[in-house]
Amino acid sequence: MIDKKIFKKAFSAPFDKAGFLKKGQSWFFDGADSIIVVTLEKCDWDELYYVDVGFWLKELGQALFPLYYHCHIYERLEFLFPEKRELILTSCDLEKSDADLLIDLSEFILEDVIPFLKGCTNIKKLSELFNMGVFRNSYINFLARKYLSNT
């Protein structure tokens, strides 16, 4: 079992390094066309965390620190990166995680997740991903769906 503080520090480090602003259990990146929100959500029944990702489209409204579930698009990280699902879920389960898994998780966040998220701050890239079906299982509100399909 991994200590909660060690887990949170390993999870937070890549976002801090990449210039995300931490507020509570969320990290925010304010880009040109969208605000990216990454939230660490604790499961009520286990020593397990979920990673929620939200995309706030600036063209559709103003917000400083939107909650991920208020964002125009949101999804759990393991569904955005299905090939890394096992790593994400096991690393975020404090009873199953270990130091090596946390290193792998931090590297994955730094090398894959952050570049993907920063790319999504450009509306053209976000629209392209939307049209490619990357967000097909994500929550996307009606206005965002209409906006992205016309961009």
N, C-alpha and C. Protein backbone atom coordinates (compact mmCIF):
# COMPACT_ATOMS: atom_id res chain seq x y z
N MET A 1 0.85 -1.19 0.00
CA MET A 1 0.00 0.00 0.00
C MET A 1 0.89 1.25 0.00
N ILE A 2 0.52 2.20 -0.81
CA ILE A 2 1.29 3.44 -0.92
C ILE A 2 0.63 4.52 -0.07
N ASP A 3 1.42 5.37 0.52
CA ASP A 3 0.91 6.47 1.34
C ASP A 3 0.22 7.51 0.46
N LYS A 4 -0.89 8.03 0.96
CA LYS A 4 -1.68 9.02 0.22
C LYS A 4 -0.86 10.26 -0.14
N LYS A 5 -0.04 10.73 0.77
CA LYS A 5 0.76 11.93 0.50
C LYS A 5 1.80 11.68 -0.60
N ILE A 6 2.39 10.50 -0.59
CA ILE A 6 3.37 10.14 -1.62
C ILE A 6 2.68 10.06 -2.98
N PHE A 7 1.49 9.44 -2.99
CA PHE A 7 0.73 9.34 -4.24
C PHE A 7 0.39 10.73 -4.79
N LYS A 8 -0.15 11.58 -3.95
CA LYS A 8 -0.55 12.92 -4.41
C LYS A 8 0.64 13.75 -4.89
N LYS A 9 1.77 13.59 -4.23
CA LYS A 9 2.97 14.32 -4.65
C LYS A 9 3.44 13.84 -6.02
N ALA A 10 3.44 12.53 -6.23
CA ALA A 10 3.86 11.97 -7.52
C ALA A 10 2.88 12.36 -8.62
N PHE A 11 1.60 12.41 -8.31
CA PHE A 11 0.59 12.79 -9.29
C PHE A 11 0.71 14.27 -9.64
N SER A 12 0.93 15.09 -8.65
CA SER A 12 0.96 16.54 -8.81
C SER A 12 2.20 17.05 -9.53
N ALA A 13 3.33 16.41 -9.32
CA ALA A 13 4.62 16.91 -9.81
C ALA A 13 4.63 17.23 -11.30
N PRO A 14 4.15 16.35 -12.19
CA PRO A 14 4.19 16.69 -13.62
C PRO A 14 3.33 17.90 -13.97
N PHE A 15 2.18 18.04 -13.33
CA PHE A 15 1.31 19.18 -13.60
C PHE A 15 1.95 20.48 -13.12
N ASP A 16 2.56 20.43 -11.95
CA ASP A 16 3.26 21.61 -11.43
C ASP A 16 4.39 22.01 -12.38
N LYS A 17 5.14 21.03 -12.82
CA LYS A 17 6.27 21.27 -13.72
C LYS A 17 5.82 21.86 -15.06
N ALA A 18 4.62 21.47 -15.51
CA ALA A 18 4.10 21.92 -16.81
C ALA A 18 3.35 23.24 -16.74
N GLY A 19 3.30 23.86 -15.57
CA GLY A 19 2.67 25.17 -15.46
C GLY A 19 1.19 25.16 -15.15
N PHE A 20 0.65 24.04 -14.73
CA PHE A 20 -0.75 23.99 -14.31
C PHE A 20 -0.85 24.63 -12.93
N LEU A 21 -1.95 25.32 -12.68
CA LEU A 21 -2.19 25.96 -11.40
C LEU A 21 -3.05 25.04 -10.54
N LYS A 22 -2.58 24.75 -9.33
CA LYS A 22 -3.31 23.85 -8.43
C LYS A 22 -4.25 24.65 -7.54
N LYS A 23 -5.47 24.15 -7.43
CA LYS A 23 -6.45 24.72 -6.51
C LYS A 23 -7.27 23.56 -5.96
N GLY A 24 -7.12 23.30 -4.66
CA GLY A 24 -7.77 22.15 -4.06
C GLY A 24 -7.19 20.87 -4.64
N GLN A 25 -8.07 19.99 -5.11
CA GLN A 25 -7.64 18.73 -5.72
C GLN A 25 -7.69 18.81 -7.24
N SER A 26 -7.62 20.04 -7.79
CA SER A 26 -7.68 20.24 -9.23
C SER A 26 -6.48 21.03 -9.72
N TRP A 27 -6.14 20.80 -10.99
CA TRP A 27 -5.08 21.52 -11.67
C TRP A 27 -5.69 22.16 -12.90
N PHE A 28 -5.34 23.41 -13.15
CA PHE A 28 -5.94 24.18 -14.24
C PHE A 28 -4.84 24.69 -15.18
N PHE A 29 -5.15 24.65 -16.48
CA PHE A 29 -4.27 25.24 -17.47
C PHE A 29 -5.12 26.14 -18.35
N ASP A 30 -4.83 27.43 -18.33
CA ASP A 30 -5.59 28.42 -19.07
C ASP A 30 -4.93 28.63 -20.43
N GLY A 31 -5.52 28.06 -21.47
CA GLY A 31 -4.96 28.16 -22.81
C GLY A 31 -5.67 29.21 -23.65
N ALA A 32 -5.30 29.27 -24.90
CA ALA A 32 -5.84 30.27 -25.81
C ALA A 32 -7.35 30.16 -25.98
N ASP A 33 -7.85 28.95 -26.20
CA ASP A 33 -9.27 28.76 -26.51
C ASP A 33 -10.04 27.96 -25.46
N SER A 34 -9.33 27.33 -24.54
CA SER A 34 -10.01 26.54 -23.52
C SER A 34 -9.22 26.50 -22.23
N ILE A 35 -9.91 26.14 -21.18
CA ILE A 35 -9.29 25.91 -19.87
C ILE A 35 -9.35 24.41 -19.63
N ILE A 36 -8.21 23.85 -19.29
CA ILE A 36 -8.13 22.43 -19.00
C ILE A 36 -8.22 22.25 -17.49
N VAL A 37 -9.03 21.29 -17.06
CA VAL A 37 -9.21 21.01 -15.65
C VAL A 37 -8.91 19.52 -15.43
N VAL A 38 -8.01 19.24 -14.49
CA VAL A 38 -7.72 17.86 -14.10
C VAL A 38 -8.00 17.77 -12.61
N THR A 39 -8.88 16.84 -12.24
CA THR A 39 -9.29 16.72 -10.84
C THR A 39 -9.02 15.31 -10.34
N LEU A 40 -8.45 15.24 -9.17
CA LEU A 40 -8.22 13.98 -8.48
C LEU A 40 -9.41 13.78 -7.55
N GLU A 41 -10.20 12.75 -7.82
CA GLU A 41 -11.43 12.50 -7.07
C GLU A 41 -11.29 11.22 -6.26
N LYS A 42 -11.48 11.31 -4.95
CA LYS A 42 -11.36 10.16 -4.05
C LYS A 42 -12.64 9.36 -4.05
N CYS A 43 -12.51 8.06 -4.19
CA CYS A 43 -13.65 7.14 -4.08
C CYS A 43 -14.09 7.10 -2.62
N ASP A 44 -15.39 7.07 -2.39
CA ASP A 44 -15.92 7.06 -1.03
C ASP A 44 -15.71 5.73 -0.30
N TRP A 45 -15.55 4.64 -1.05
CA TRP A 45 -15.55 3.31 -0.43
C TRP A 45 -14.19 2.65 -0.36
N ASP A 46 -13.22 3.10 -1.12
CA ASP A 46 -11.91 2.47 -1.16
C ASP A 46 -10.81 3.52 -1.13
N GLU A 47 -9.58 3.05 -1.04
CA GLU A 47 -8.41 3.92 -1.14
C GLU A 47 -8.07 4.05 -2.62
N LEU A 48 -9.00 4.59 -3.35
CA LEU A 48 -8.92 4.67 -4.80
C LEU A 48 -9.22 6.09 -5.24
N TYR A 49 -8.48 6.55 -6.25
CA TYR A 49 -8.70 7.88 -6.82
C TYR A 49 -9.05 7.75 -8.29
N TYR A 50 -9.86 8.66 -8.76
CA TYR A 50 -10.18 8.77 -10.18
C TYR A 50 -9.60 10.08 -10.68
N VAL A 51 -9.23 10.09 -11.96
CA VAL A 51 -8.70 11.30 -12.57
C VAL A 51 -9.73 11.78 -13.59
N ASP A 52 -10.34 12.91 -13.29
CA ASP A 52 -11.35 13.51 -14.17
C ASP A 52 -10.71 14.65 -14.94
N VAL A 53 -11.06 14.74 -16.22
CA VAL A 53 -10.51 15.77 -17.08
C VAL A 53 -11.66 16.55 -17.70
N GLY A 54 -11.59 17.88 -17.60
CA GLY A 54 -12.62 18.74 -18.18
C GLY A 54 -12.02 19.76 -19.14
N PHE A 55 -12.81 20.13 -20.13
CA PHE A 55 -12.41 21.12 -21.13
C PHE A 55 -13.47 22.22 -21.16
N TRP A 56 -13.10 23.40 -20.70
CA TRP A 56 -14.01 24.55 -20.70
C TRP A 56 -13.71 25.37 -21.95
N LEU A 57 -14.70 25.52 -22.82
CA LEU A 57 -14.52 26.27 -24.07
C LEU A 57 -14.82 27.74 -23.82
N LYS A 58 -13.82 28.57 -23.98
CA LYS A 58 -13.95 30.00 -23.66
C LYS A 58 -14.98 30.70 -24.55
N GLU A 59 -15.13 30.24 -25.75
CA GLU A 59 -16.10 30.85 -26.66
C GLU A 59 -17.54 30.68 -26.15
N LEU A 60 -17.75 29.70 -25.29
CA LEU A 60 -19.10 29.40 -24.79
C LEU A 60 -19.37 29.94 -23.40
N GLY A 61 -18.42 30.68 -22.84
CA GLY A 61 -18.66 31.26 -21.52
C GLY A 61 -17.36 31.53 -20.79
N GLN A 62 -17.45 32.37 -19.77
CA GLN A 62 -16.29 32.73 -18.98
C GLN A 62 -16.28 31.94 -17.67
N ALA A 63 -15.09 31.56 -17.26
CA ALA A 63 -14.89 30.88 -15.98
C ALA A 63 -13.44 31.03 -15.58
N LEU A 64 -13.18 31.09 -14.31
CA LEU A 64 -11.80 31.13 -13.83
C LEU A 64 -11.32 29.74 -13.44
N PHE A 65 -12.06 29.10 -12.55
CA PHE A 65 -11.70 27.78 -12.07
C PHE A 65 -12.94 26.88 -12.11
N PRO A 66 -13.33 26.47 -13.31
CA PRO A 66 -14.55 25.66 -13.40
C PRO A 66 -14.34 24.26 -12.80
N LEU A 67 -15.37 23.75 -12.17
CA LEU A 67 -15.34 22.36 -11.72
C LEU A 67 -15.38 21.48 -12.97
N TYR A 68 -14.71 20.34 -12.92
CA TYR A 68 -14.63 19.53 -14.13
C TYR A 68 -16.02 19.16 -14.65
N TYR A 69 -16.98 18.89 -13.77
CA TYR A 69 -18.31 18.48 -14.20
C TYR A 69 -19.19 19.66 -14.64
N HIS A 70 -18.66 20.86 -14.57
CA HIS A 70 -19.33 22.03 -15.17
C HIS A 70 -18.75 22.34 -16.55
N CYS A 71 -17.68 21.66 -16.90
CA CYS A 71 -17.03 21.92 -18.18
C CYS A 71 -17.90 21.45 -19.35
N HIS A 72 -17.64 22.01 -20.51
CA HIS A 72 -18.40 21.68 -21.71
C HIS A 72 -18.15 20.25 -22.17
N ILE A 73 -16.95 19.75 -21.89
CA ILE A 73 -16.58 18.37 -22.18
C ILE A 73 -15.87 17.83 -20.94
N TYR A 74 -16.22 16.61 -20.53
CA TYR A 74 -15.43 15.98 -19.48
C TYR A 74 -15.46 14.46 -19.60
N GLU A 75 -14.41 13.86 -19.04
CA GLU A 75 -14.22 12.43 -19.15
C GLU A 75 -13.20 11.98 -18.12
N ARG A 76 -13.21 10.71 -17.78
CA ARG A 76 -12.17 10.14 -16.93
C ARG A 76 -10.94 9.87 -17.79
N LEU A 77 -9.78 10.05 -17.20
CA LEU A 77 -8.53 9.93 -17.92
C LEU A 77 -8.37 8.57 -18.60
N GLU A 78 -8.77 7.49 -17.93
CA GLU A 78 -8.57 6.16 -18.51
C GLU A 78 -9.37 5.93 -19.78
N PHE A 79 -10.42 6.72 -20.01
CA PHE A 79 -11.18 6.59 -21.25
C PHE A 79 -10.58 7.43 -22.38
N LEU A 80 -9.83 8.47 -22.02
CA LEU A 80 -9.11 9.24 -23.03
C LEU A 80 -7.85 8.51 -23.49
N PHE A 81 -7.30 7.68 -22.61
CA PHE A 81 -6.10 6.89 -22.91
C PHE A 81 -6.38 5.42 -22.59
N PRO A 82 -7.24 4.76 -23.37
CA PRO A 82 -7.61 3.38 -23.05
C PRO A 82 -6.44 2.40 -23.03
N GLU A 83 -5.40 2.70 -23.81
CA GLU A 83 -4.23 1.82 -23.84
C GLU A 83 -3.44 1.88 -22.53
N LYS A 84 -3.68 2.89 -21.72
CA LYS A 84 -3.00 3.06 -20.43
C LYS A 84 -3.95 2.86 -19.25
N ARG A 85 -5.11 2.29 -19.52
CA ARG A 85 -6.15 2.13 -18.50
C ARG A 85 -5.63 1.39 -17.26
N GLU A 86 -4.95 0.28 -17.48
CA GLU A 86 -4.45 -0.53 -16.37
C GLU A 86 -3.46 0.26 -15.51
N LEU A 87 -2.54 0.97 -16.15
CA LEU A 87 -1.58 1.80 -15.42
C LEU A 87 -2.30 2.85 -14.58
N ILE A 88 -3.25 3.54 -15.19
CA ILE A 88 -3.96 4.61 -14.48
C ILE A 88 -4.73 4.06 -13.28
N LEU A 89 -5.52 3.03 -13.52
CA LEU A 89 -6.36 2.50 -12.44
C LEU A 89 -5.54 1.85 -11.32
N THR A 90 -4.51 1.11 -11.67
CA THR A 90 -3.69 0.46 -10.65
C THR A 90 -2.87 1.48 -9.87
N SER A 91 -2.32 2.46 -10.55
CA SER A 91 -1.52 3.50 -9.88
C SER A 91 -2.35 4.32 -8.92
N CYS A 92 -3.61 4.52 -9.27
CA CYS A 92 -4.50 5.36 -8.45
C CYS A 92 -5.22 4.57 -7.37
N ASP A 93 -4.93 3.30 -7.26
CA ASP A 93 -5.47 2.45 -6.20
C ASP A 93 -4.37 2.30 -5.16
N LEU A 94 -4.49 3.00 -4.05
CA LEU A 94 -3.42 3.05 -3.06
C LEU A 94 -3.09 1.68 -2.48
N GLU A 95 -4.03 0.75 -2.50
CA GLU A 95 -3.76 -0.58 -1.98
C GLU A 95 -2.97 -1.44 -2.97
N LYS A 96 -2.99 -1.09 -4.25
CA LYS A 96 -2.27 -1.86 -5.27
C LYS A 96 -1.02 -1.15 -5.78
N SER A 97 -0.96 0.15 -5.60
CA SER A 97 0.13 0.94 -6.16
C SER A 97 1.43 0.75 -5.40
N ASP A 98 2.53 1.07 -6.06
CA ASP A 98 3.85 1.05 -5.43
C ASP A 98 4.71 2.14 -6.05
N ALA A 99 5.91 2.29 -5.57
CA ALA A 99 6.79 3.37 -6.02
C ALA A 99 7.08 3.29 -7.52
N ASP A 100 7.28 2.08 -8.05
CA ASP A 100 7.56 1.92 -9.49
C ASP A 100 6.36 2.34 -10.33
N LEU A 101 5.17 1.98 -9.90
CA LEU A 101 3.96 2.39 -10.64
C LEU A 101 3.80 3.90 -10.63
N LEU A 102 4.12 4.54 -9.52
CA LEU A 102 3.99 5.99 -9.44
C LEU A 102 4.99 6.68 -10.37
N ILE A 103 6.17 6.12 -10.49
CA ILE A 103 7.15 6.66 -11.45
C ILE A 103 6.60 6.53 -12.87
N ASP A 104 6.04 5.36 -13.18
CA ASP A 104 5.46 5.15 -14.51
C ASP A 104 4.29 6.11 -14.76
N LEU A 105 3.46 6.31 -13.74
CA LEU A 105 2.32 7.23 -13.88
C LEU A 105 2.81 8.66 -14.12
N SER A 106 3.79 9.11 -13.34
CA SER A 106 4.32 10.46 -13.51
C SER A 106 4.92 10.66 -14.90
N GLU A 107 5.65 9.67 -15.39
CA GLU A 107 6.23 9.76 -16.73
C GLU A 107 5.15 9.80 -17.80
N PHE A 108 4.13 8.97 -17.64
CA PHE A 108 3.01 8.95 -18.58
C PHE A 108 2.31 10.31 -18.61
N ILE A 109 2.07 10.88 -17.44
CA ILE A 109 1.42 12.20 -17.38
C ILE A 109 2.28 13.25 -18.07
N LEU A 110 3.56 13.24 -17.78
CA LEU A 110 4.47 14.25 -18.34
C LEU A 110 4.65 14.08 -19.85
N GLU A 111 4.79 12.86 -20.32
CA GLU A 111 5.11 12.61 -21.73
C GLU A 111 3.90 12.52 -22.65
N ASP A 112 2.76 12.07 -22.12
CA ASP A 112 1.59 11.84 -22.97
C ASP A 112 0.40 12.72 -22.62
N VAL A 113 0.04 12.73 -21.35
CA VAL A 113 -1.18 13.43 -20.94
C VAL A 113 -1.04 14.94 -21.11
N ILE A 114 0.02 15.52 -20.60
CA ILE A 114 0.17 16.97 -20.65
C ILE A 114 0.26 17.49 -22.08
N PRO A 115 1.06 16.89 -22.97
CA PRO A 115 1.04 17.37 -24.36
C PRO A 115 -0.34 17.26 -25.01
N PHE A 116 -1.06 16.17 -24.73
CA PHE A 116 -2.42 16.02 -25.25
C PHE A 116 -3.32 17.15 -24.74
N LEU A 117 -3.28 17.39 -23.44
CA LEU A 117 -4.14 18.41 -22.84
C LEU A 117 -3.79 19.81 -23.34
N LYS A 118 -2.50 20.11 -23.41
CA LYS A 118 -2.11 21.43 -23.91
C LYS A 118 -2.51 21.61 -25.37
N GLY A 119 -2.48 20.54 -26.15
CA GLY A 119 -2.97 20.60 -27.52
C GLY A 119 -4.44 20.94 -27.59
N CYS A 120 -5.18 20.50 -26.59
CA CYS A 120 -6.62 20.75 -26.54
C CYS A 120 -6.98 22.17 -26.15
N THR A 121 -5.99 23.01 -25.90
CA THR A 121 -6.28 24.42 -25.64
C THR A 121 -6.48 25.18 -26.94
N ASN A 122 -6.17 24.55 -28.06
CA ASN A 122 -6.38 25.12 -29.39
C ASN A 122 -7.70 24.58 -29.93
N ILE A 123 -8.63 25.44 -30.26
CA ILE A 123 -9.97 25.00 -30.66
C ILE A 123 -9.95 24.17 -31.94
N LYS A 124 -9.04 24.47 -32.84
CA LYS A 124 -8.94 23.68 -34.08
C LYS A 124 -8.53 22.25 -33.77
N LYS A 125 -7.57 22.08 -32.87
CA LYS A 125 -7.13 20.74 -32.47
C LYS A 125 -8.24 20.01 -31.72
N LEU A 126 -8.91 20.71 -30.83
CA LEU A 126 -10.01 20.12 -30.07
C LEU A 126 -11.13 19.68 -31.00
N SER A 127 -11.45 20.51 -31.97
CA SER A 127 -12.47 20.18 -32.96
C SER A 127 -12.05 18.98 -33.80
N GLU A 128 -10.79 18.94 -34.17
CA GLU A 128 -10.27 17.81 -34.95
C GLU A 128 -10.41 16.50 -34.16
N LEU A 129 -10.04 16.54 -32.88
CA LEU A 129 -10.17 15.36 -32.02
C LEU A 129 -11.63 14.95 -31.85
N PHE A 130 -12.49 15.95 -31.70
CA PHE A 130 -13.94 15.70 -31.61
C PHE A 130 -14.44 14.99 -32.86
N ASN A 131 -14.06 15.51 -34.02
CA ASN A 131 -14.51 14.92 -35.29
C ASN A 131 -13.90 13.55 -35.56
N MET A 132 -12.74 13.28 -34.97
CA MET A 132 -12.12 11.96 -35.09
C MET A 132 -12.76 10.94 -34.15
N GLY A 133 -13.61 11.39 -33.24
CA GLY A 133 -14.28 10.49 -32.32
C GLY A 133 -13.56 10.25 -31.01
N VAL A 134 -12.52 11.03 -30.72
CA VAL A 134 -11.77 10.85 -29.48
C VAL A 134 -12.68 11.04 -28.26
N PHE A 135 -13.66 11.93 -28.38
CA PHE A 135 -14.55 12.22 -27.25
C PHE A 135 -15.92 11.53 -27.39
N ARG A 136 -16.00 10.50 -28.19
CA ARG A 136 -17.30 9.86 -28.46
C ARG A 136 -17.99 9.34 -27.20
N ASN A 137 -17.23 8.96 -26.17
CA ASN A 137 -17.82 8.45 -24.93
C ASN A 137 -17.84 9.49 -23.82
N SER A 138 -17.38 10.69 -24.12
CA SER A 138 -17.30 11.76 -23.12
C SER A 138 -18.63 12.49 -23.00
N TYR A 139 -18.80 13.15 -21.86
CA TYR A 139 -19.91 14.08 -21.74
C TYR A 139 -19.56 15.31 -22.56
N ILE A 140 -20.43 15.68 -23.47
CA ILE A 140 -20.26 16.91 -24.25
C ILE A 140 -21.62 17.60 -24.27
N ASN A 141 -21.69 18.81 -23.76
CA ASN A 141 -22.99 19.47 -23.75
C ASN A 141 -23.38 19.90 -25.17
N PHE A 142 -24.64 20.19 -25.34
CA PHE A 142 -25.20 20.48 -26.65
C PHE A 142 -24.50 21.62 -27.36
N LEU A 143 -24.26 22.73 -26.65
CA LEU A 143 -23.61 23.88 -27.26
C LEU A 143 -22.20 23.55 -27.73
N ALA A 144 -21.46 22.79 -26.93
CA ALA A 144 -20.10 22.41 -27.30
C ALA A 144 -20.11 21.49 -28.52
N ARG A 145 -21.03 20.56 -28.53
CA ARG A 145 -21.15 19.62 -29.67
C ARG A 145 -21.41 20.41 -30.96
N LYS A 146 -22.33 21.36 -30.88
CA LYS A 146 -22.67 22.18 -32.05
C LYS A 146 -21.48 23.05 -32.46
N TYR A 147 -20.83 23.67 -31.49
CA TYR A 147 -19.69 24.54 -31.76
C TYR A 147 -18.52 23.76 -32.39
N LEU A 148 -18.19 22.62 -31.83
CA LEU A 148 -17.06 21.85 -32.33
C LEU A 148 -17.32 21.26 -33.71
N SER A 149 -18.55 20.90 -33.98
CA SER A 149 -18.84 20.33 -35.30
C SER A 149 -18.86 21.40 -36.38
N ASN A 150 -18.95 22.68 -36.00
CA ASN A 150 -18.96 23.78 -36.98
C ASN A 150 -17.62 24.52 -37.04
N THR A 151 -16.64 24.07 -36.27
CA THR A 151 -15.35 24.78 -36.22
C THR A 151 -14.38 24.15 -37.20
